[in-house]
Protein backbone atom coordinates (compact mmCIF):
# COMPACT_ATOMS: atom_id res chain seq x y z
CA UNK A 1 5.73 17.65 -22.32
CA UNK A 2 2.87 16.00 -20.44
CA UNK A 3 3.31 12.78 -22.42
CA UNK A 4 7.03 12.78 -21.59
CA UNK A 5 6.29 13.14 -17.86
CA UNK A 6 3.71 10.37 -18.09
CA UNK A 7 6.24 8.03 -19.72
CA UNK A 8 8.87 8.97 -17.11
CA UNK A 9 6.56 8.27 -14.15
CA UNK A 10 5.24 5.08 -15.76
CA UNK A 11 8.82 3.87 -16.20
CA UNK A 12 9.56 4.70 -12.57
CA UNK A 13 6.48 2.77 -11.44
CA UNK A 14 7.44 -0.27 -13.52
CA UNK A 15 11.05 -0.11 -12.32
CA UNK A 16 10.04 0.15 -8.67
CA UNK A 17 7.55 -2.71 -9.13
CA UNK A 18 10.24 -4.94 -10.63
CA UNK A 19 12.57 -3.96 -7.80
CA UNK A 20 9.87 -4.77 -5.25
CA UNK A 21 9.39 -8.28 -6.62
CA UNK A 22 13.12 -8.92 -7.08
CA UNK A 23 14.22 -7.87 -3.58
CA UNK A 24 15.14 -10.63 -1.15
CA UNK A 25 14.85 -8.41 1.90
CA UNK A 26 11.18 -7.63 2.66
CA UNK A 27 12.04 -4.19 4.03
CA UNK A 28 13.67 -3.17 0.76
CA UNK A 29 10.64 -4.56 -1.07
CA UNK A 30 8.37 -2.35 1.07
CA UNK A 31 10.51 0.69 0.25
CA UNK A 32 10.24 -0.15 -3.45
CA UNK A 33 6.47 -0.39 -3.01
CA UNK A 34 6.48 3.17 -1.63
CA UNK A 35 8.25 4.19 -4.85
CA UNK A 36 5.48 2.53 -6.85
CA UNK A 37 2.80 4.40 -4.88
CA UNK A 38 4.52 7.76 -5.33
CA UNK A 39 4.99 7.11 -9.06
CA UNK A 40 1.31 6.24 -9.37
CA UNK A 41 0.38 9.45 -7.54
CA UNK A 42 2.52 11.37 -10.04
CA UNK A 43 0.72 9.60 -12.88
CA UNK A 44 -2.61 10.67 -11.40
CA UNK A 45 -1.41 14.28 -11.33
CA UNK A 46 -0.47 14.10 -15.01
CA UNK A 47 -3.97 12.71 -15.70
CA UNK A 48 -5.56 15.77 -13.99
CA UNK A 49 -6.81 13.86 -10.94
CA UNK A 50 -5.16 15.68 -8.00
CA UNK A 51 -7.55 14.35 -5.35
CA UNK A 52 -6.83 10.73 -6.22
CA UNK A 53 -3.11 11.52 -6.21
CA UNK A 54 -3.34 13.03 -2.72
CA UNK A 55 -5.33 10.06 -1.45
CA UNK A 56 -2.77 7.71 -3.01
CA UNK A 57 0.07 9.38 -1.12
CA UNK A 58 -1.76 9.88 2.19
CA UNK A 59 -3.52 6.52 2.44
CA UNK A 60 -1.26 4.08 0.65
CA UNK A 61 2.26 5.54 0.79
CA UNK A 62 1.58 6.91 4.26
CA UNK A 63 -0.71 4.85 6.44
CA UNK A 64 -0.69 1.44 4.75
CA UNK A 65 3.06 1.35 4.25
CA UNK A 66 3.67 2.34 7.88
CA UNK A 67 1.60 -0.70 8.85
CA UNK A 68 3.47 -2.96 6.42
CA UNK A 69 6.88 -1.80 7.65
CA UNK A 70 5.71 -2.13 11.27
CA UNK A 71 4.61 -5.74 10.68
CA UNK A 72 7.89 -6.55 8.90
CA UNK A 73 9.85 -5.14 11.83
CA UNK A 74 7.59 -6.85 14.37
CA UNK A 75 7.95 -10.26 12.74
CA UNK A 76 11.70 -9.81 12.29
CA UNK A 77 11.66 -11.48 8.89
CA UNK A 78 15.07 -12.72 7.84
CA UNK A 79 16.32 -13.31 4.33
CA UNK A 80 15.34 -16.71 3.03
CA UNK A 81 17.04 -18.96 0.55
CA UNK A 82 15.20 -19.24 -2.73
CA UNK A 83 13.93 -22.74 -3.38
CA UNK A 84 15.39 -24.46 -6.42
CA UNK A 85 11.96 -25.44 -7.76
CA UNK A 86 11.18 -21.78 -8.60
CA UNK A 87 14.07 -21.62 -11.05
CA UNK A 88 12.19 -23.90 -13.42
CA UNK A 89 9.32 -21.39 -13.54
CA UNK A 90 11.47 -18.56 -14.92
CA UNK A 91 10.88 -19.43 -18.62
CA UNK A 92 7.13 -19.58 -18.02
CA UNK A 93 7.26 -16.18 -16.33
CA UNK A 94 9.20 -14.69 -19.24
CA UNK A 95 6.67 -16.04 -21.76
CA UNK A 96 3.73 -14.71 -19.73
CA UNK A 97 5.43 -11.30 -19.39
CA UNK A 98 5.93 -11.20 -23.17
CA UNK A 99 2.23 -12.02 -23.68
CA UNK A 100 1.28 -9.23 -21.26
CA UNK A 101 3.43 -6.68 -23.09
CA UNK A 102 2.03 -7.83 -26.45
CA UNK A 103 -1.53 -7.38 -25.15
CA UNK A 104 -0.70 -3.92 -23.81
CA UNK A 105 0.87 -2.86 -27.11
CA UNK A 106 -2.13 -4.22 -29.02
CA UNK A 107 -4.59 -2.31 -26.84
CA UNK A 108 -2.59 0.93 -26.97
CA UNK A 109 -2.27 0.75 -30.75
CA UNK A 110 -5.91 -0.01 -31.50
CA UNK A 111 -7.38 2.36 -28.90
CA UNK A 112 -5.47 5.26 -30.47
CA UNK A 113 -6.58 4.22 -33.96
CA UNK A 114 -10.22 3.71 -32.97
CA UNK A 115 -12.69 6.21 -34.52
CA UNK A 116 -14.73 6.28 -31.29
CA UNK A 117 -11.86 7.65 -29.19
CA UNK A 118 -12.91 11.03 -27.72
CA UNK A 119 -10.74 13.89 -28.88
CA UNK A 120 -11.28 16.17 -25.88
CA UNK A 121 -11.55 15.69 -22.15
CA UNK A 122 -15.26 15.81 -21.28
CA UNK A 123 -15.08 13.95 -17.96
CA UNK A 124 -14.68 15.33 -14.47
CA UNK A 125 -13.69 11.95 -13.03
CA UNK A 126 -11.13 12.29 -10.28
CA UNK A 127 -11.99 15.84 -9.32
CA UNK A 128 -12.84 16.53 -5.69
CA UNK A 129 -16.32 17.82 -6.45
CA UNK A 130 -17.33 14.76 -8.49
CA UNK A 131 -15.95 12.36 -5.88
CA UNK A 132 -17.73 14.16 -3.05
CA UNK A 133 -21.00 14.35 -4.95
CA UNK A 134 -20.88 10.65 -5.79
CA UNK A 135 -19.76 9.60 -2.33
CA UNK A 136 -22.49 11.43 -0.46
CA UNK A 137 -25.37 10.87 -2.91
CA UNK A 138 -25.19 7.71 -5.01
CA UNK A 139 -22.74 5.76 -2.86
CA UNK A 140 -23.75 6.93 0.62
CA UNK A 141 -25.00 3.53 1.80
CA UNK A 142 -21.88 1.57 0.66
CA UNK A 143 -19.71 4.30 2.23
CA UNK A 144 -21.49 3.96 5.59
CA UNK A 145 -21.40 0.15 5.44
CA UNK A 146 -17.66 0.28 4.78
CA UNK A 147 -17.11 2.61 7.74
CA UNK A 148 -19.08 0.27 10.02
CA UNK A 149 -17.07 -2.72 8.77
CA UNK A 150 -13.81 -0.90 9.47
CA UNK A 151 -15.04 -0.01 12.97
CA UNK A 152 -15.94 -3.66 13.57
CA UNK A 153 -12.47 -4.71 12.38
CA UNK A 154 -10.80 -2.34 14.85
CA UNK A 155 -12.98 -3.58 17.72
CA UNK A 156 -12.26 -7.19 16.74
CA UNK A 157 -8.52 -6.56 16.58
CA UNK A 158 -8.57 -4.97 20.04
CA UNK A 159 -10.59 -7.91 21.41
CA UNK A 160 -8.18 -10.44 19.92
CA UNK A 161 -5.20 -8.51 21.26
CA UNK A 162 -6.69 -8.46 24.77
CA UNK A 163 -7.61 -12.16 24.85
CA UNK A 164 -4.30 -13.15 23.28
CA UNK A 165 -2.33 -11.50 26.07
CA UNK A 166 -0.90 -8.77 23.86
CA UNK A 167 -2.65 -6.00 25.81
CA UNK A 168 -3.13 -5.78 29.58
CA UNK A 169 -6.70 -6.14 30.90
CA UNK A 170 -8.62 -2.93 31.41
CA UNK A 171 -7.96 -1.08 34.67
CA UNK A 172 -4.71 -2.86 35.55
CA UNK A 173 -1.33 -1.64 34.61
CA UNK A 174 1.52 -4.10 34.40
CA UNK A 175 3.98 -3.69 37.23
CA UNK A 176 7.53 -2.96 36.20
CA UNK A 177 9.99 -5.66 37.19
CA UNK A 178 11.74 -5.02 40.48
CA UNK A 179 8.88 -2.94 41.99
CA UNK A 180 8.92 -3.01 45.76
CA UNK A 181 12.46 -4.29 46.02
CA UNK A 182 14.02 -0.92 46.56
CA UNK A 183 16.71 0.77 44.55
CA UNK A 184 19.85 -1.14 43.81
CA UNK A 185 22.60 -0.14 46.18
CA UNK A 186 20.24 1.40 48.74
CA UNK A 187 20.08 -1.62 51.09
CA UNK A 188 22.73 -0.31 53.51
CA UNK A 189 21.52 3.33 53.69
CA UNK A 190 19.26 4.74 56.39
């Protein structure tokens, strides 16, 4: 049953990925990417890694995709005509896809037939306790450096937005248009 669910979610992830690449409208591509992220989270659940599945949904399908959709809407990207030069690359893409599937089938076949393949699950990779223990012991310094880099990126983005005129300077609020001119239609009243 678990293998059947794994195959179902893997097929959904591959189908959504193909749909994401094939879409001409970037918004539909972003929606297909959300389908890929949710399918991957389902795959993580079938692999007994619920924490990674929750992070996949919260961080990628939630926060990152909101940013992607916001940028797509902000840029107002229109559909573009496909250049004719890309049509000549289709046979090369088909050959490379066939090579990729052949490699995947080769690896799956020989990994299952290998005598060194473990027969039982002895790893606690993906569990909340192992991630927390690794994050706050072995990888504490890289975790803190990453948090400082993200803080610097936010400060830099705010600085660029202020100097670029996207945000008003501190302490001043932009005046709405028509301020001080009275209400329309109130010129003759006393």
